[in-house]
Amino acid sequence: MPARIRLQRHGKKGRPFYHIVIADGRAPRDGRFIEKIGTYNPITNPAEIILDFDKALTWLQKGAQPSDTARAILSYKGVIYKNHLLKGVNKGALTEEQVEVKFQNWLKEKEEKIEAKRRGLTEAERAERKKALEEEAKVNEARAAELAKKRAAELKAETEEAAKEAEEAEEAEAAETPAEETKEEDTKEEETKA
């Protein structure tokens, strides 16, 4: 079996972290390996890939077959492209200098794309936060207006109640004073009769 470039899973459940390794094709996924050439953390955005470029290129040239995911990672880092260009040198189609110029141009474009993605993510996060704050401010204003309206209604009801109580108290006092006068008159009449 040829050597394989593949991922070894590490990390806990739901939080994967991978080592990029060279292993015998017959070895189990997380088992014995020949050499570790890097790591891959898919949780971060964009994914964090640390790769020993020269070792990966050497193993590709020796005939190691990458798994699908490892091939995507190697392609993302430019190992596959560099291997392709070096095959052109072996065939005599390109020179070493041309290969380096082409690869450096590709690398520069790739870095710009990655940086643009990072900037886009940070701008999107800022816009999302700003939108959330605006929505929260609107909700708070609506709550404050509703609360003010409720308090105004309660205050109005209290003033009306106080006014009614005052009127009732006045009416009660007015009603009591004639009643007292009649009682006094009744007692005077009884005294005169006696």
Protein backbone atom coordinates (compact mmCIF):
# COMPACT_ATOMS: atom_id res chain seq x y z
CA MET A 1 0.00 0.00 0.00
CA PRO A 2 1.34 3.45 -0.81
CA ALA A 3 1.75 6.15 1.76
CA ARG A 4 -1.28 8.40 2.24
CA ILE A 5 -1.51 12.04 3.24
CA ARG A 6 -4.56 12.25 5.47
CA LEU A 7 -6.09 13.78 8.56
CA GLN A 8 -5.97 12.38 12.08
CA ARG A 9 -8.81 13.58 14.25
CA HIS A 10 -8.09 15.07 17.64
CA GLY A 11 -10.09 17.40 19.85
CA LYS A 12 -13.24 16.71 21.77
CA LYS A 13 -16.76 15.94 20.62
CA GLY A 14 -18.15 18.76 18.51
CA ARG A 15 -14.78 20.60 18.48
CA PRO A 16 -12.64 18.80 15.90
CA PHE A 17 -8.95 19.47 15.41
CA TYR A 18 -6.88 17.54 12.89
CA HIS A 19 -3.24 16.63 12.40
CA ILE A 20 -2.14 16.30 8.78
CA VAL A 21 -0.01 13.16 8.65
CA ILE A 22 1.75 10.78 6.30
CA ALA A 23 0.55 7.27 7.13
CA ASP A 24 0.51 3.81 5.63
CA GLY A 25 -2.76 3.25 3.77
CA ARG A 26 -3.49 0.16 5.91
CA ALA A 27 -3.12 1.98 9.25
CA PRO A 28 -6.30 3.08 11.06
CA ARG A 29 -7.40 6.71 10.83
CA ASP A 30 -6.11 7.76 14.23
CA GLY A 31 -3.45 5.07 14.45
CA ARG A 32 0.20 4.82 13.55
CA PHE A 33 1.68 7.39 11.19
CA ILE A 34 5.04 7.99 9.53
CA GLU A 35 5.33 11.75 9.88
CA LYS A 36 3.23 14.73 11.00
CA ILE A 37 3.38 17.59 8.48
CA GLY A 38 0.82 20.03 9.86
CA THR A 39 -2.44 20.82 11.61
CA TYR A 40 -5.93 21.88 10.51
CA ASN A 41 -8.46 23.67 12.72
CA PRO A 42 -11.83 23.91 10.93
CA ILE A 43 -13.59 25.71 13.80
CA THR A 44 -12.01 29.13 13.16
CA ASN A 45 -13.25 31.25 10.27
CA PRO A 46 -11.36 31.12 7.94
CA ALA A 47 -9.98 27.71 8.93
CA GLU A 48 -6.50 27.73 10.43
CA ILE A 49 -4.05 25.57 8.48
CA ILE A 50 -0.43 25.15 9.58
CA LEU A 51 1.53 23.09 7.07
CA ASP A 52 5.20 22.27 6.52
CA PHE A 53 5.18 23.12 2.83
CA ASP A 54 8.51 21.50 1.92
CA LYS A 55 7.73 18.17 3.64
CA ALA A 56 4.32 18.01 1.99
CA LEU A 57 5.85 18.73 -1.43
CA THR A 58 8.57 16.10 -0.88
CA TRP A 59 6.01 13.44 0.06
CA LEU A 60 3.84 14.31 -2.96
CA GLN A 61 6.87 13.94 -5.23
CA LYS A 62 7.65 10.58 -3.60
CA GLY A 63 4.17 9.38 -4.58
CA ALA A 64 2.09 9.78 -1.44
CA GLN A 65 -1.62 9.91 -2.30
CA PRO A 66 -3.65 12.59 -0.47
CA SER A 67 -7.16 11.89 0.77
CA ASP A 68 -9.92 14.14 -0.59
CA THR A 69 -9.84 16.57 2.33
CA ALA A 70 -6.04 16.54 2.46
CA ARG A 71 -5.97 17.24 -1.29
CA ALA A 72 -8.25 20.26 -0.77
CA ILE A 73 -5.98 21.55 2.02
CA LEU A 74 -2.82 21.02 -0.03
CA SER A 75 -4.46 22.76 -2.97
CA TYR A 76 -5.50 25.67 -0.76
CA LYS A 77 -1.92 26.07 0.46
CA GLY A 78 -0.46 25.72 -3.05
CA VAL A 79 1.42 22.44 -2.62
CA ILE A 80 -0.47 20.76 -5.46
CA TYR A 81 0.15 23.75 -7.77
CA LYS A 82 3.86 23.86 -6.92
CA ASN A 83 4.13 20.09 -7.59
CA HIS A 84 2.41 20.64 -10.95
CA LEU A 85 4.87 23.41 -11.87
CA LEU A 86 7.87 21.29 -10.84
CA LYS A 87 6.64 18.47 -13.10
CA GLY A 88 6.79 21.03 -15.92
CA VAL A 89 10.43 21.73 -15.03
CA ASN A 90 11.21 18.00 -15.17
CA LYS A 91 9.64 17.81 -18.63
CA GLY A 92 11.60 20.87 -19.78
CA ALA A 93 8.54 23.08 -20.38
CA LEU A 94 9.50 25.62 -17.68
CA THR A 95 12.61 26.84 -15.89
CA GLU A 96 13.07 27.12 -12.12
CA GLU A 97 12.86 30.94 -12.32
CA GLN A 98 9.57 30.83 -14.24
CA VAL A 99 8.18 28.39 -11.70
CA GLU A 100 9.12 30.68 -8.80
CA VAL A 101 7.61 33.76 -10.52
CA LYS A 102 4.35 31.94 -11.30
CA PHE A 103 4.11 30.48 -7.82
CA GLN A 104 4.81 33.81 -6.08
CA ASN A 105 2.13 35.53 -8.21
CA TRP A 106 -0.36 32.80 -7.33
CA LEU A 107 0.59 33.05 -3.65
CA LYS A 108 0.13 36.83 -3.65
CA GLU A 109 -3.33 36.53 -5.24
CA LYS A 110 -4.29 33.84 -2.74
CA GLU A 111 -3.20 35.99 0.22
CA GLU A 112 -5.26 38.90 -1.13
CA LYS A 113 -8.33 36.66 -1.41
CA ILE A 114 -7.88 35.41 2.15
CA GLU A 115 -7.39 38.94 3.48
CA ALA A 116 -10.47 40.14 1.58
CA LYS A 117 -12.49 37.33 3.15
CA ARG A 118 -11.26 38.28 6.64
CA ARG A 119 -12.10 41.95 6.03
CA GLY A 120 -15.50 40.98 4.69
CA LEU A 121 -16.17 38.87 7.77
CA THR A 122 -15.20 41.66 10.15
CA GLU A 123 -17.28 44.21 8.22
CA ALA A 124 -20.23 41.82 8.18
CA GLU A 125 -19.89 41.33 11.94
CA ARG A 126 -19.76 45.10 12.48
CA ALA A 127 -22.82 45.65 10.30
CA GLU A 128 -24.65 42.87 12.11
CA ARG A 129 -23.81 44.35 15.53
CA LYS A 130 -24.84 47.82 14.39
CA LYS A 131 -28.15 46.51 13.06
CA ALA A 132 -28.78 44.60 16.31
CA LEU A 133 -28.06 47.74 18.37
CA GLU A 134 -30.42 49.81 16.21
CA GLU A 135 -33.18 47.21 16.58
CA GLU A 136 -32.58 47.07 20.32
CA ALA A 137 -32.75 50.89 20.53
CA LYS A 138 -36.08 50.85 18.64
CA VAL A 139 -37.47 48.20 20.98
CA ASN A 140 -36.28 50.18 24.02
CA GLU A 141 -37.88 53.38 22.70
CA ALA A 142 -41.15 51.54 22.08
CA ARG A 143 -41.05 50.09 25.60
CA ALA A 144 -40.28 53.51 27.09
CA ALA A 145 -43.16 55.11 25.15
CA GLU A 146 -45.54 52.33 26.24
CA LEU A 147 -44.38 52.66 29.85
CA ALA A 148 -44.79 56.45 29.78
CA LYS A 149 -48.30 56.05 28.34
CA LYS A 150 -49.15 53.50 31.03
CA ARG A 151 -47.79 55.75 33.79
CA ALA A 152 -49.72 58.73 32.42
CA ALA A 153 -52.91 56.65 32.42
CA GLU A 154 -52.24 55.51 35.99
CA LEU A 155 -51.52 59.07 37.12
CA LYS A 156 -54.70 60.31 35.46
CA ALA A 157 -56.70 57.52 37.12
CA GLU A 158 -55.16 58.38 40.50
CA THR A 159 -55.97 62.09 40.14
CA GLU A 160 -59.53 61.24 39.12
CA GLU A 161 -59.84 58.89 42.12
CA ALA A 162 -58.44 61.55 44.43
CA ALA A 163 -60.89 64.09 43.01
CA LYS A 164 -63.80 61.67 43.48
CA GLU A 165 -62.70 60.86 47.03
CA ALA A 166 -62.44 64.56 47.80
CA GLU A 167 -65.94 65.16 46.42
CA GLU A 168 -67.30 62.20 48.38
CA ALA A 169 -65.58 63.44 51.52
CA GLU A 170 -67.10 66.89 51.02
CA GLU A 171 -70.52 65.38 50.39
CA ALA A 172 -70.14 63.18 53.47
CA GLU A 173 -69.17 66.18 55.57
CA ALA A 174 -72.05 68.15 54.18
CA ALA A 175 -74.37 65.25 54.92
CA GLU A 176 -73.01 64.85 58.45
CA THR A 177 -73.33 68.46 59.43
CA PRO A 178 -77.09 68.63 58.79
CA ALA A 179 -77.53 65.31 60.52
CA GLU A 180 -75.68 66.58 63.56
CA GLU A 181 -77.78 69.72 63.56
CA THR A 182 -80.94 67.65 63.50
CA LYS A 183 -79.63 65.49 66.32
CA GLU A 184 -78.88 68.56 68.36
CA GLU A 185 -82.32 69.91 67.61
CA ASP A 186 -83.90 66.59 68.64
CA THR A 187 -82.00 66.57 71.90
CA LYS A 188 -83.06 70.14 72.61
CA GLU A 189 -86.67 69.26 71.91
CA GLU A 190 -86.45 66.30 74.29
CA GLU A 191 -84.98 68.47 76.96
CA THR A 192 -87.70 71.01 76.59
CA LYS A 193 -90.35 68.28 76.77
CA ALA A 194 -88.86 66.85 79.89
